[in-house]
N, C-alpha and C. Protein backbone atom coordinates (compact mmCIF):
# COMPACT_ATOMS: atom_id res chain seq x y z
N MET A 1 67.31 201.40 47.44
CA MET A 1 67.14 200.94 48.81
C MET A 1 65.69 201.20 49.21
N PRO A 2 65.02 200.21 49.84
CA PRO A 2 63.62 200.39 50.20
C PRO A 2 63.45 201.47 51.26
N ARG A 3 62.33 202.14 51.14
CA ARG A 3 62.01 203.19 52.10
C ARG A 3 61.45 202.53 53.37
N THR A 4 61.93 202.93 54.51
CA THR A 4 61.43 202.37 55.76
C THR A 4 60.55 203.39 56.45
N ARG A 5 59.54 202.89 57.12
CA ARG A 5 58.61 203.74 57.84
C ARG A 5 58.56 203.28 59.29
N PRO A 6 58.22 204.19 60.17
CA PRO A 6 58.04 203.75 61.56
C PRO A 6 56.85 202.81 61.64
N PRO A 7 56.83 201.92 62.60
CA PRO A 7 55.72 200.98 62.70
C PRO A 7 54.39 201.71 62.92
N TYR A 8 53.35 201.09 62.42
CA TYR A 8 52.02 201.67 62.59
C TYR A 8 51.59 201.55 64.05
N PRO A 9 50.85 202.53 64.54
CA PRO A 9 50.37 202.46 65.93
C PRO A 9 49.47 201.23 66.12
N GLU A 10 49.52 200.66 67.30
CA GLU A 10 48.76 199.45 67.61
C GLU A 10 47.27 199.66 67.40
N GLU A 11 46.77 200.81 67.80
CA GLU A 11 45.33 201.10 67.64
C GLU A 11 44.94 201.10 66.16
N PHE A 12 45.80 201.66 65.31
CA PHE A 12 45.55 201.66 63.87
C PHE A 12 45.48 200.23 63.35
N ARG A 13 46.41 199.40 63.79
CA ARG A 13 46.43 198.00 63.35
C ARG A 13 45.16 197.27 63.78
N ARG A 14 44.75 197.49 65.04
CA ARG A 14 43.53 196.82 65.53
C ARG A 14 42.31 197.23 64.73
N GLN A 15 42.21 198.53 64.43
CA GLN A 15 41.07 199.02 63.66
C GLN A 15 41.10 198.47 62.24
N ALA A 16 42.27 198.42 61.63
CA ALA A 16 42.39 197.87 60.28
C ALA A 16 41.98 196.40 60.25
N ILE A 17 42.41 195.65 61.25
CA ILE A 17 42.06 194.23 61.33
C ILE A 17 40.55 194.07 61.52
N ARG A 18 39.99 194.91 62.40
CA ARG A 18 38.55 194.83 62.65
C ARG A 18 37.77 195.12 61.36
N LEU A 19 38.18 196.14 60.62
CA LEU A 19 37.51 196.47 59.36
C LEU A 19 37.65 195.34 58.35
N ALA A 20 38.82 194.74 58.29
CA ALA A 20 39.04 193.64 57.34
C ALA A 20 38.20 192.43 57.70
N LEU A 21 38.05 192.16 59.00
CA LEU A 21 37.26 191.01 59.43
C LEU A 21 35.77 191.22 59.19
N LEU A 22 35.33 192.48 59.18
CA LEU A 22 33.93 192.76 58.86
C LEU A 22 33.61 192.37 57.43
N GLY A 23 34.59 192.50 56.55
CA GLY A 23 34.44 192.04 55.18
C GLY A 23 33.54 192.92 54.32
N ASP A 24 33.35 194.18 54.67
CA ASP A 24 32.52 195.06 53.86
C ASP A 24 33.18 195.40 52.52
N LYS A 25 34.51 195.44 52.51
CA LYS A 25 35.27 195.76 51.31
C LYS A 25 36.29 194.66 51.06
N PRO A 26 36.70 194.51 49.81
CA PRO A 26 37.81 193.58 49.55
C PRO A 26 39.07 194.07 50.26
N GLN A 27 39.91 193.15 50.67
CA GLN A 27 41.11 193.50 51.43
C GLN A 27 41.99 194.48 50.67
N ARG A 28 42.13 194.27 49.38
CA ARG A 28 43.00 195.14 48.58
C ARG A 28 42.48 196.58 48.59
N GLN A 29 41.16 196.74 48.46
CA GLN A 29 40.58 198.08 48.47
C GLN A 29 40.68 198.72 49.84
N LEU A 30 40.44 197.93 50.89
CA LEU A 30 40.54 198.44 52.25
C LEU A 30 41.96 198.92 52.54
N ALA A 31 42.94 198.12 52.14
CA ALA A 31 44.34 198.50 52.36
C ALA A 31 44.66 199.79 51.63
N LYS A 32 44.18 199.91 50.40
CA LYS A 32 44.43 201.14 49.63
C LYS A 32 43.78 202.33 50.32
N ASP A 33 42.55 202.16 50.80
CA ASP A 33 41.85 203.25 51.49
C ASP A 33 42.57 203.67 52.77
N LEU A 34 43.20 202.70 53.45
CA LEU A 34 43.91 203.00 54.70
C LEU A 34 45.32 203.52 54.47
N GLY A 35 45.79 203.41 53.22
CA GLY A 35 47.13 203.89 52.91
C GLY A 35 48.23 202.92 53.29
N ILE A 36 47.89 201.64 53.32
CA ILE A 36 48.89 200.60 53.61
C ILE A 36 48.88 199.60 52.46
N SER A 37 49.91 198.78 52.39
CA SER A 37 49.94 197.78 51.32
C SER A 37 49.02 196.62 51.68
N ASP A 38 48.51 195.97 50.65
CA ASP A 38 47.63 194.82 50.90
C ASP A 38 48.40 193.68 51.55
N VAL A 39 49.69 193.60 51.30
CA VAL A 39 50.53 192.56 51.93
C VAL A 39 50.62 192.81 53.43
N THR A 40 50.76 194.07 53.81
CA THR A 40 50.83 194.42 55.23
C THR A 40 49.53 194.02 55.93
N LEU A 41 48.40 194.37 55.33
CA LEU A 41 47.12 194.02 55.92
C LEU A 41 46.94 192.51 56.00
N ARG A 42 47.35 191.81 54.95
CA ARG A 42 47.24 190.34 54.95
C ARG A 42 48.10 189.74 56.06
N ASN A 43 49.31 190.28 56.26
CA ASN A 43 50.18 189.78 57.33
C ASN A 43 49.57 190.04 58.71
N TRP A 44 48.97 191.22 58.89
CA TRP A 44 48.31 191.52 60.17
C TRP A 44 47.17 190.56 60.43
N LEU A 45 46.39 190.27 59.39
CA LEU A 45 45.26 189.33 59.55
C LEU A 45 45.76 187.92 59.86
N LYS A 46 46.81 187.52 59.17
CA LYS A 46 47.38 186.19 59.41
C LYS A 46 47.87 186.06 60.85
N HIS A 47 48.54 187.11 61.32
CA HIS A 47 49.03 187.11 62.70
C HIS A 47 47.85 187.08 63.69
N GLU A 48 46.83 187.86 63.42
CA GLU A 48 45.65 187.89 64.30
C GLU A 48 44.96 186.53 64.37
N ARG A 49 44.81 185.89 63.23
CA ARG A 49 44.16 184.56 63.21
C ARG A 49 45.01 183.53 63.94
N ALA A 50 46.33 183.65 63.82
CA ALA A 50 47.21 182.73 64.55
C ALA A 50 47.09 182.97 66.04
N GLU A 51 47.00 184.25 66.45
CA GLU A 51 46.85 184.57 67.87
C GLU A 51 45.57 183.97 68.43
N ARG A 52 44.53 183.98 67.63
CA ARG A 52 43.24 183.43 68.07
C ARG A 52 43.20 181.91 67.96
N GLY A 53 44.18 181.32 67.30
CA GLY A 53 44.18 179.88 67.11
C GLY A 53 43.25 179.45 66.00
N GLU A 54 42.86 180.39 65.12
CA GLU A 54 41.92 180.08 64.05
C GLU A 54 42.61 179.53 62.81
N ARG A 55 43.88 179.84 62.64
CA ARG A 55 44.59 179.42 61.44
C ARG A 55 44.99 177.96 61.56
N ALA A 56 44.76 177.21 60.51
CA ALA A 56 45.13 175.79 60.51
C ALA A 56 46.63 175.66 60.69
N GLY A 57 47.04 174.90 61.67
CA GLY A 57 48.46 174.69 61.90
C GLY A 57 49.12 175.81 62.67
N GLY A 58 48.41 176.88 62.92
CA GLY A 58 48.98 177.99 63.65
C GLY A 58 48.75 177.82 65.14
N LEU A 59 49.64 178.34 65.94
CA LEU A 59 49.51 178.26 67.38
C LEU A 59 49.12 179.61 67.94
N SER A 60 48.28 179.59 68.94
CA SER A 60 47.94 180.84 69.60
C SER A 60 49.11 181.27 70.47
N GLN A 61 49.07 182.49 70.96
CA GLN A 61 50.15 183.00 71.82
C GLN A 61 50.30 182.14 73.06
N ASP A 62 49.19 181.73 73.67
CA ASP A 62 49.25 180.88 74.86
C ASP A 62 49.90 179.54 74.53
N GLU A 63 49.56 178.99 73.38
CA GLU A 63 50.14 177.71 72.99
C GLU A 63 51.64 177.84 72.72
N ARG A 64 52.05 178.95 72.10
CA ARG A 64 53.49 179.16 71.88
C ARG A 64 54.24 179.30 73.19
N GLU A 65 53.65 180.02 74.14
CA GLU A 65 54.29 180.17 75.45
C GLU A 65 54.41 178.83 76.16
N GLU A 66 53.33 178.03 76.10
CA GLU A 66 53.37 176.71 76.73
C GLU A 66 54.40 175.82 76.06
N LEU A 67 54.47 175.88 74.73
CA LEU A 67 55.44 175.08 74.00
C LEU A 67 56.87 175.46 74.40
N GLN A 68 57.14 176.75 74.53
CA GLN A 68 58.46 177.20 74.94
C GLN A 68 58.78 176.74 76.36
N ARG A 69 57.79 176.83 77.26
CA ARG A 69 57.98 176.37 78.64
C ARG A 69 58.29 174.88 78.66
N LEU A 70 57.56 174.10 77.86
CA LEU A 70 57.78 172.66 77.83
C LEU A 70 59.14 172.31 77.21
N ARG A 71 59.55 173.07 76.21
CA ARG A 71 60.89 172.83 75.62
C ARG A 71 61.99 173.11 76.64
N ASP A 72 61.83 174.21 77.38
CA ASP A 72 62.82 174.54 78.42
C ASP A 72 62.86 173.45 79.48
N GLU A 73 61.69 173.00 79.90
CA GLU A 73 61.62 171.94 80.92
C GLU A 73 62.23 170.65 80.40
N ASN A 74 61.98 170.33 79.15
CA ASN A 74 62.52 169.13 78.53
C ASN A 74 64.05 169.19 78.51
N ALA A 75 64.60 170.35 78.15
CA ALA A 75 66.06 170.50 78.12
C ALA A 75 66.65 170.34 79.51
N ARG A 76 65.98 170.92 80.52
CA ARG A 76 66.46 170.81 81.89
C ARG A 76 66.43 169.36 82.35
N LEU A 77 65.35 168.64 82.03
CA LEU A 77 65.24 167.24 82.44
C LEU A 77 66.28 166.36 81.74
N ARG A 78 66.56 166.66 80.48
CA ARG A 78 67.61 165.89 79.78
C ARG A 78 68.97 166.11 80.44
N MET A 79 69.24 167.36 80.82
CA MET A 79 70.51 167.66 81.48
C MET A 79 70.59 166.94 82.82
N GLU A 80 69.51 166.96 83.58
CA GLU A 80 69.50 166.27 84.87
C GLU A 80 69.71 164.78 84.69
N ARG A 81 69.07 164.20 83.66
CA ARG A 81 69.23 162.77 83.40
C ARG A 81 70.67 162.43 83.05
N GLU A 82 71.29 163.29 82.25
CA GLU A 82 72.68 163.07 81.86
C GLU A 82 73.60 163.14 83.08
N ILE A 83 73.37 164.11 83.96
CA ILE A 83 74.18 164.24 85.17
C ILE A 83 74.01 163.02 86.05
N LEU A 84 72.77 162.55 86.23
CA LEU A 84 72.53 161.38 87.07
C LEU A 84 73.15 160.12 86.46
N SER A 85 73.11 160.02 85.15
CA SER A 85 73.72 158.87 84.50
C SER A 85 75.23 158.85 84.73
N LYS A 86 75.87 160.02 84.60
CA LYS A 86 77.32 160.10 84.84
C LYS A 86 77.64 159.83 86.31
N ALA A 87 76.79 160.30 87.21
CA ALA A 87 77.02 160.05 88.63
C ALA A 87 76.90 158.57 88.94
N ALA A 88 75.94 157.90 88.31
CA ALA A 88 75.77 156.46 88.55
C ALA A 88 77.00 155.70 88.09
N VAL A 89 77.55 156.07 86.94
CA VAL A 89 78.75 155.41 86.44
C VAL A 89 79.93 155.68 87.39
N PHE A 90 80.05 156.90 87.85
CA PHE A 90 81.13 157.26 88.78
C PHE A 90 81.06 156.43 90.05
N PHE A 91 79.86 156.36 90.66
CA PHE A 91 79.71 155.62 91.91
C PHE A 91 79.87 154.13 91.70
N ALA A 92 79.47 153.61 90.54
CA ALA A 92 79.64 152.19 90.27
C ALA A 92 81.13 151.84 90.18
N LYS A 93 81.91 152.70 89.53
CA LYS A 93 83.35 152.47 89.44
C LYS A 93 84.00 152.58 90.80
N GLU A 94 83.55 153.55 91.59
CA GLU A 94 84.12 153.77 92.92
C GLU A 94 83.84 152.59 93.84
N SER A 95 82.66 152.03 93.77
CA SER A 95 82.33 150.92 94.65
C SER A 95 83.02 149.62 94.21
N ASP A 96 83.36 149.47 92.92
CA ASP A 96 84.09 148.29 92.44
C ASP A 96 85.52 148.28 92.95
N GLY A 97 86.09 149.43 93.17
CA GLY A 97 87.49 149.54 93.61
C GLY A 97 87.67 149.21 95.07
N ARG A 98 86.64 149.16 95.86
CA ARG A 98 86.79 148.95 97.30
C ARG A 98 86.65 147.53 97.68
């Protein structure tokens, strides 16, 4: 069973990312020096670049929030359209009977 560790402190992550972005050492060596796996450091860098919108195809945090807001709005508008469509059919049938 894999050994689990508590998450690294945010300040440690920020410093590790800053050091990696400076590029003074290869990522693998930097990760070894910091006592973390190179995969962990690579994932932190990938996440940081996505947050900044630097990664191709990646969305920044603001863009993800806007996308979620637009999806929610789209779902609400579809529901409203469906309700209005059913109401129109109801009233059309009601007016034909009179």
